[in-house]
Amino acid sequence: MGLGVVGEAAALFAVTNVDDLLVLALFFGQAAGRPHPTRTIMLGQYLGFAGILSVAVAAALGASLLPERAVPYLGLLPLALGIRAAVQAWRHRRDAAEEAEAGPGGPRAVEVAAVTFANGGDNIGVYVPVFATAGPGGTAVFAAVFLLLVAVWVLAGRYFATRPVIARALSRWGHALLPVVLIGIGLLVLAGAW
């Protein structure tokens, strides 16, 4: 085991979660100016990823919590959240003053968790055979590295959302881009059902 497994785990996490960076940056853009966005988004990301790990580990141990054919239907979660975000963006497209008066908002931890879990549905299919062949010790190393990298991913998403050029783009277009990305993720995950 050792550093080889840690390196494999880091590489596997990066490859299977690169799309999360955009989603996290969008969540941070949506939460700009709100109190404690990092804590809320971090909590949601950990909850969602813990769900992914739980299902993958259980499936690797032989328990099939989700039939393989059910995994693509996880795409309904980001699809529904995307449609909801699109409706809200459409309704409030002209009233920035009302949004400023509304007070704290932005994504809730439960929404972040749902999107993370649904977006990671395809990761389960990748993690199960890796965990099954890694054995209990190797799986524990993979899980520990993954959980450490979740925090790195959240901080990277915050970093990207706070770069002046990216922050301006997110403040101008993020309300429209987030629903598009969530609906796209939902449709891509659902495409696996057909």
C-alpha atoms as a PDB file:
ATOM      1  CA  MET A   1       0.000   0.000   0.000  1.00  0.00           C
ATOM      2  CA  GLY A   2       1.549   3.325   1.006  1.00  0.00           C
ATOM      3  CA  LEU A   3       2.158   6.241  -1.307  1.00  0.00           C
ATOM      4  CA  GLY A   4       1.183   4.324  -4.434  1.00  0.00           C
ATOM      5  CA  VAL A   5      -2.392   3.861  -3.199  1.00  0.00           C
ATOM      6  CA  VAL A   6      -2.545   7.476  -1.992  1.00  0.00           C
ATOM      7  CA  GLY A   7      -1.441   8.649  -5.451  1.00  0.00           C
ATOM      8  CA  GLU A   8      -3.954   6.378  -7.163  1.00  0.00           C
ATOM      9  CA  ALA A   9      -6.699   7.638  -4.867  1.00  0.00           C
ATOM     10  CA  ALA A  10      -5.814  11.294  -5.523  1.00  0.00           C
ATOM     11  CA  ALA A  11      -5.730  10.724  -9.279  1.00  0.00           C
ATOM     12  CA  LEU A  12      -9.025   8.807  -9.241  1.00  0.00           C
ATOM     13  CA  PHE A  13     -10.712  11.544  -7.210  1.00  0.00           C
ATOM     14  CA  ALA A  14      -9.442  14.299  -9.508  1.00  0.00           C
ATOM     15  CA  VAL A  15     -10.512  12.506 -12.677  1.00  0.00           C
ATOM     16  CA  THR A  16     -13.978  11.603 -11.412  1.00  0.00           C
ATOM     17  CA  ASN A  17     -14.715  14.979  -9.779  1.00  0.00           C
ATOM     18  CA  VAL A  18     -13.303  17.572 -12.158  1.00  0.00           C
ATOM     19  CA  ASP A  19     -16.848  18.630 -13.116  1.00  0.00           C
ATOM     20  CA  ASP A  20     -17.539  19.441  -9.457  1.00  0.00           C
ATOM     21  CA  LEU A  21     -15.119  22.373  -9.626  1.00  0.00           C
ATOM     22  CA  LEU A  22     -17.443  24.253 -11.975  1.00  0.00           C
ATOM     23  CA  VAL A  23     -20.509  23.404  -9.904  1.00  0.00           C
ATOM     24  CA  LEU A  24     -18.759  24.495  -6.690  1.00  0.00           C
ATOM     25  CA  ALA A  25     -17.620  27.769  -8.274  1.00  0.00           C
ATOM     26  CA  LEU A  26     -21.221  28.382  -9.375  1.00  0.00           C
ATOM     27  CA  PHE A  27     -22.506  27.678  -5.863  1.00  0.00           C
ATOM     28  CA  PHE A  28     -19.966  30.153  -4.457  1.00  0.00           C
ATOM     29  CA  GLY A  29     -20.957  32.697  -7.090  1.00  0.00           C
ATOM     30  CA  GLN A  30     -24.601  32.250  -6.121  1.00  0.00           C
ATOM     31  CA  ALA A  31     -23.708  32.710  -2.435  1.00  0.00           C
ATOM     32  CA  ALA A  32     -21.550  35.823  -2.941  1.00  0.00           C
ATOM     33  CA  GLY A  33     -22.162  38.329  -0.159  1.00  0.00           C
ATOM     34  CA  ARG A  34     -24.045  35.817   1.977  1.00  0.00           C
ATOM     35  CA  PRO A  35     -22.876  34.826   5.467  1.00  0.00           C
ATOM     36  CA  HIS A  36     -20.867  31.600   5.851  1.00  0.00           C
ATOM     37  CA  PRO A  37     -21.058  30.246   2.293  1.00  0.00           C
ATOM     38  CA  THR A  38     -17.905  28.143   2.689  1.00  0.00           C
ATOM     39  CA  ARG A  39     -19.264  26.346   5.741  1.00  0.00           C
ATOM     40  CA  THR A  40     -22.632  25.672   4.075  1.00  0.00           C
ATOM     41  CA  ILE A  41     -21.158  24.496   0.776  1.00  0.00           C
ATOM     42  CA  MET A  42     -18.478  22.417   2.547  1.00  0.00           C
ATOM     43  CA  LEU A  43     -21.138  20.708   4.685  1.00  0.00           C
ATOM     44  CA  GLY A  44     -23.283  19.961   1.645  1.00  0.00           C
ATOM     45  CA  GLN A  45     -20.324  18.667  -0.360  1.00  0.00           C
ATOM     46  CA  TYR A  46     -19.288  16.355   2.498  1.00  0.00           C
ATOM     47  CA  LEU A  47     -22.843  15.074   2.988  1.00  0.00           C
ATOM     48  CA  GLY A  48     -23.230  14.338  -0.712  1.00  0.00           C
ATOM     49  CA  PHE A  49     -19.825  12.735  -1.051  1.00  0.00           C
ATOM     50  CA  ALA A  50     -20.351  10.658   2.108  1.00  0.00           C
ATOM     51  CA  GLY A  51     -23.474   9.285   0.422  1.00  0.00           C
ATOM     52  CA  ILE A  52     -21.477   8.419  -2.698  1.00  0.00           C
ATOM     53  CA  LEU A  53     -18.803   6.671  -0.622  1.00  0.00           C
ATOM     54  CA  SER A  54     -21.378   4.807   1.453  1.00  0.00           C
ATOM     55  CA  VAL A  55     -23.139   3.392  -1.595  1.00  0.00           C
ATOM     56  CA  ALA A  56     -19.847   2.536  -3.340  1.00  0.00           C
ATOM     57  CA  VAL A  57     -18.385   0.797  -0.274  1.00  0.00           C
ATOM     58  CA  ALA A  58     -21.618  -1.107   0.381  1.00  0.00           C
ATOM     59  CA  ALA A  59     -21.807  -2.165  -3.252  1.00  0.00           C
ATOM     60  CA  ALA A  60     -18.150  -3.204  -3.198  1.00  0.00           C
ATOM     61  CA  LEU A  61     -18.846  -5.345  -0.143  1.00  0.00           C
ATOM     62  CA  GLY A  62     -21.550  -7.121  -2.093  1.00  0.00           C
ATOM     63  CA  ALA A  63     -24.579  -5.277  -0.799  1.00  0.00           C
ATOM     64  CA  SER A  64     -26.494  -3.767  -3.669  1.00  0.00           C
ATOM     65  CA  LEU A  65     -28.250  -0.776  -2.151  1.00  0.00           C
ATOM     66  CA  LEU A  66     -28.963   0.620  -5.596  1.00  0.00           C
ATOM     67  CA  PRO A  67     -29.580  -1.584  -8.587  1.00  0.00           C
ATOM     68  CA  GLU A  68     -27.280  -0.609 -11.445  1.00  0.00           C
ATOM     69  CA  ARG A  69     -30.276   0.467 -13.518  1.00  0.00           C
ATOM     70  CA  ALA A  70     -31.385   2.905 -10.773  1.00  0.00           C
ATOM     71  CA  VAL A  71     -28.131   4.924 -10.679  1.00  0.00           C
ATOM     72  CA  PRO A  72     -28.904   7.022 -13.786  1.00  0.00           C
ATOM     73  CA  TYR A  73     -32.165   8.163 -12.192  1.00  0.00           C
ATOM     74  CA  LEU A  74     -30.079  10.087  -9.658  1.00  0.00           C
ATOM     75  CA  GLY A  75     -29.977  12.654 -12.463  1.00  0.00           C
ATOM     76  CA  LEU A  76     -33.514  13.660 -11.474  1.00  0.00           C
ATOM     77  CA  LEU A  77     -32.061  15.490  -8.433  1.00  0.00           C
ATOM     78  CA  PRO A  78     -29.889  18.053 -10.246  1.00  0.00           C
ATOM     79  CA  LEU A  79     -32.474  18.275 -13.033  1.00  0.00           C
ATOM     80  CA  ALA A  80     -35.188  19.276 -10.530  1.00  0.00           C
ATOM     81  CA  LEU A  81     -32.834  21.686  -8.732  1.00  0.00           C
ATOM     82  CA  GLY A  82     -31.820  23.190 -12.084  1.00  0.00           C
ATOM     83  CA  ILE A  83     -35.411  23.697 -13.160  1.00  0.00           C
ATOM     84  CA  ARG A  84     -36.183  25.273  -9.794  1.00  0.00           C
ATOM     85  CA  ALA A  85     -33.154  27.593 -10.093  1.00  0.00           C
ATOM     86  CA  ALA A  86     -34.181  28.506 -13.660  1.00  0.00           C
ATOM     87  CA  VAL A  87     -37.704  29.404 -12.557  1.00  0.00           C
ATOM     88  CA  GLN A  88     -36.343  31.530  -9.703  1.00  0.00           C
ATOM     89  CA  ALA A  89     -33.840  33.258 -12.003  1.00  0.00           C
ATOM     90  CA  TRP A  90     -36.617  33.982 -14.507  1.00  0.00           C
ATOM     91  CA  ARG A  91     -38.969  35.364 -11.858  1.00  0.00           C
ATOM     92  CA  HIS A  92     -36.301  37.622 -10.342  1.00  0.00           C
ATOM     93  CA  ARG A  93     -34.449  38.588 -13.492  1.00  0.00           C
ATOM     94  CA  ARG A  94     -35.225  42.302 -13.089  1.00  0.00           C
ATOM     95  CA  ASP A  95     -35.325  42.832  -9.372  1.00  0.00           C
ATOM     96  CA  ALA A  96     -31.768  42.839  -8.022  1.00  0.00           C
ATOM     97  CA  ALA A  97     -32.895  45.304  -5.347  1.00  0.00           C
ATOM     98  CA  GLU A  98     -35.447  42.788  -4.060  1.00  0.00           C
ATOM     99  CA  GLU A  99     -32.744  40.117  -3.912  1.00  0.00           C
ATOM    100  CA  ALA A 100     -30.473  42.410  -1.893  1.00  0.00           C
ATOM    101  CA  GLU A 101     -33.334  43.095   0.560  1.00  0.00           C
ATOM    102  CA  ALA A 102     -34.145  39.397   0.866  1.00  0.00           C
ATOM    103  CA  GLY A 103     -31.125  38.830   3.072  1.00  0.00           C
ATOM    104  CA  PRO A 104     -29.155  35.624   3.421  1.00  0.00           C
ATOM    105  CA  GLY A 105     -29.793  33.032   0.745  1.00  0.00           C
ATOM    106  CA  GLY A 106     -27.689  31.141  -1.722  1.00  0.00           C
ATOM    107  CA  PRO A 107     -27.475  27.396  -1.863  1.00  0.00           C
ATOM    108  CA  ARG A 108     -28.459  25.387   1.187  1.00  0.00           C
ATOM    109  CA  ALA A 109     -26.325  22.485   2.384  1.00  0.00           C
ATOM    110  CA  VAL A 110     -29.082  20.018   1.435  1.00  0.00           C
ATOM    111  CA  GLU A 111     -29.154  21.352  -2.138  1.00  0.00           C
ATOM    112  CA  VAL A 112     -25.368  21.106  -2.429  1.00  0.00           C
ATOM    113  CA  ALA A 113     -25.501  17.561  -1.011  1.00  0.00           C
ATOM    114  CA  ALA A 114     -28.222  16.501  -3.461  1.00  0.00           C
ATOM    115  CA  VAL A 115     -26.339  17.885  -6.450  1.00  0.00           C
ATOM    116  CA  THR A 116     -23.065  16.337  -5.248  1.00  0.00           C
ATOM    117  CA  PHE A 117     -24.671  12.929  -4.759  1.00  0.00           C
ATOM    118  CA  ALA A 118     -26.515  12.983  -8.055  1.00  0.00           C
ATOM    119  CA  ASN A 119     -23.511  14.307  -9.966  1.00  0.00           C
ATOM    120  CA  GLY A 120     -21.410  11.565  -8.376  1.00  0.00           C
ATOM    121  CA  GLY A 121     -23.783   8.776  -9.350  1.00  0.00           C
ATOM    122  CA  ASP A 122     -21.498   7.799 -12.199  1.00  0.00           C
ATOM    123  CA  ASN A 123     -18.558   7.840  -9.772  1.00  0.00           C
ATOM    124  CA  ILE A 124     -20.161   4.949  -7.911  1.00  0.00           C
ATOM    125  CA  GLY A 125     -19.732   2.768 -10.968  1.00  0.00           C
ATOM    126  CA  VAL A 126     -16.028   3.671 -11.069  1.00  0.00           C
ATOM    127  CA  TYR A 127     -15.397   3.335  -7.330  1.00  0.00           C
ATOM    128  CA  VAL A 128     -17.109  -0.042  -6.810  1.00  0.00           C
ATOM    129  CA  PRO A 129     -14.633  -2.178  -8.795  1.00  0.00           C
ATOM    130  CA  VAL A 130     -11.682  -0.207  -7.389  1.00  0.00           C
ATOM    131  CA  PHE A 131     -12.886  -0.716  -3.811  1.00  0.00           C
ATOM    132  CA  ALA A 132     -13.718  -4.368  -4.464  1.00  0.00           C
ATOM    133  CA  THR A 133     -10.163  -5.075  -5.618  1.00  0.00           C
ATOM    134  CA  ALA A 134      -8.433  -2.793  -3.076  1.00  0.00           C
ATOM    135  CA  GLY A 135      -9.644  -4.764  -0.064  1.00  0.00           C
ATOM    136  CA  PRO A 136     -10.652  -3.225   3.274  1.00  0.00           C
ATOM    137  CA  GLY A 137      -7.289  -1.535   3.941  1.00  0.00           C
ATOM    138  CA  GLY A 138      -7.008  -0.073   0.461  1.00  0.00           C
ATOM    139  CA  THR A 139     -10.633   1.062   0.506  1.00  0.00           C
ATOM    140  CA  ALA A 140      -9.999   2.856   3.813  1.00  0.00           C
ATOM    141  CA  VAL A 141      -7.028   4.678   2.230  1.00  0.00           C
ATOM    142  CA  PHE A 142      -9.086   5.621  -0.831  1.00  0.00           C
ATOM    143  CA  ALA A 143     -11.929   6.899   1.385  1.00  0.00           C
ATOM    144  CA  ALA A 144      -9.568   8.922   3.590  1.00  0.00           C
ATOM    145  CA  VAL A 145      -7.851  10.529   0.598  1.00  0.00           C
ATOM    146  CA  PHE A 146     -11.216  11.254  -1.053  1.00  0.00           C
ATOM    147  CA  LEU A 147     -12.558  12.908   2.097  1.00  0.00           C
ATOM    148  CA  LEU A 148      -9.441  15.049   2.427  1.00  0.00           C
ATOM    149  CA  LEU A 149      -9.696  16.090  -1.214  1.00  0.00           C
ATOM    150  CA  VAL A 150     -13.339  17.122  -0.817  1.00  0.00           C
ATOM    151  CA  ALA A 151     -12.124  20.066   1.295  1.00  0.00           C
ATOM    152  CA  VAL A 152      -9.453  20.902  -1.284  1.00  0.00           C
ATOM    153  CA  TRP A 153     -12.118  20.829  -4.021  1.00  0.00           C
ATOM    154  CA  VAL A 154     -14.430  23.163  -2.070  1.00  0.00           C
ATOM    155  CA  LEU A 155     -11.588  25.615  -1.453  1.00  0.00           C
ATOM    156  CA  ALA A 156     -10.596  25.449  -5.123  1.00  0.00           C
ATOM    157  CA  GLY A 157     -14.207  26.173  -6.106  1.00  0.00           C
ATOM    158  CA  ARG A 158     -14.199  29.171  -3.768  1.00  0.00           C
ATOM    159  CA  TYR A 159     -10.859  30.313  -5.185  1.00  0.00           C
ATOM    160  CA  PHE A 160     -12.153  30.214  -8.763  1.00  0.00           C
ATOM    161  CA  ALA A 161     -15.361  32.025  -7.775  1.00  0.00           C
ATOM    162  CA  THR A 162     -13.385  34.828  -6.082  1.00  0.00           C
ATOM    163  CA  ARG A 163     -11.001  35.609  -8.968  1.00  0.00           C
ATOM    164  CA  PRO A 164     -12.038  39.050 -10.237  1.00  0.00           C
ATOM    165  CA  VAL A 165     -12.675  37.988 -13.842  1.00  0.00           C
ATOM    166  CA  ILE A 166     -14.503  34.821 -12.823  1.00  0.00           C
ATOM    167  CA  ALA A 167     -16.378  36.599 -10.004  1.00  0.00           C
ATOM    168  CA  ARG A 168     -17.622  39.285 -12.418  1.00  0.00           C
ATOM    169  CA  ALA A 169     -18.746  36.632 -14.886  1.00  0.00           C
ATOM    170  CA  LEU A 170     -20.468  34.626 -12.143  1.00  0.00           C
ATOM    171  CA  SER A 171     -22.200  37.698 -10.709  1.00  0.00           C
ATOM    172  CA  ARG A 172     -23.407  38.669 -14.167  1.00  0.00           C
ATOM    173  CA  TRP A 173     -24.233  35.228 -15.583  1.00  0.00           C
ATOM    174  CA  GLY A 174     -24.128  32.796 -12.635  1.00  0.00           C
ATOM    175  CA  HIS A 175     -27.875  33.016 -11.966  1.00  0.00           C
ATOM    176  CA  ALA A 176     -28.441  31.833 -15.543  1.00  0.00           C
ATOM    177  CA  LEU A 177     -25.482  29.474 -15.773  1.00  0.00           C
ATOM    178  CA  LEU A 178     -26.201  27.464 -12.607  1.00  0.00           C
ATOM    179  CA  PRO A 179     -29.603  26.189 -13.841  1.00  0.00           C
ATOM    180  CA  VAL A 180     -28.071  25.303 -17.232  1.00  0.00           C
ATOM    181  CA  VAL A 181     -25.227  23.355 -15.592  1.00  0.00           C
ATOM    182  CA  LEU A 182     -27.551  21.554 -13.157  1.00  0.00           C
ATOM    183  CA  ILE A 183     -30.028  20.646 -15.889  1.00  0.00           C
ATOM    184  CA  GLY A 184     -27.130  19.492 -18.091  1.00  0.00           C
ATOM    185  CA  ILE A 185     -25.738  17.307 -15.307  1.00  0.00           C
ATOM    186  CA  GLY A 186     -29.185  15.862 -14.687  1.00  0.00           C
ATOM    187  CA  LEU A 187     -29.724  15.059 -18.368  1.00  0.00           C
ATOM    188  CA  LEU A 188     -26.251  13.518 -18.717  1.00  0.00           C
ATOM    189  CA  VAL A 189     -26.774  11.295 -15.690  1.00  0.00           C
ATOM    190  CA  LEU A 190     -30.285  10.372 -16.882  1.00  0.00           C
ATOM    191  CA  ALA A 191     -28.933   9.531 -20.342  1.00  0.00           C
ATOM    192  CA  GLY A 192     -27.408   6.425 -18.778  1.00  0.00           C
ATOM    193  CA  ALA A 193     -30.931   5.090 -18.193  1.00  0.00           C
ATOM    194  CA  TRP A 194     -31.648   4.865 -21.929  1.00  0.00           C
END
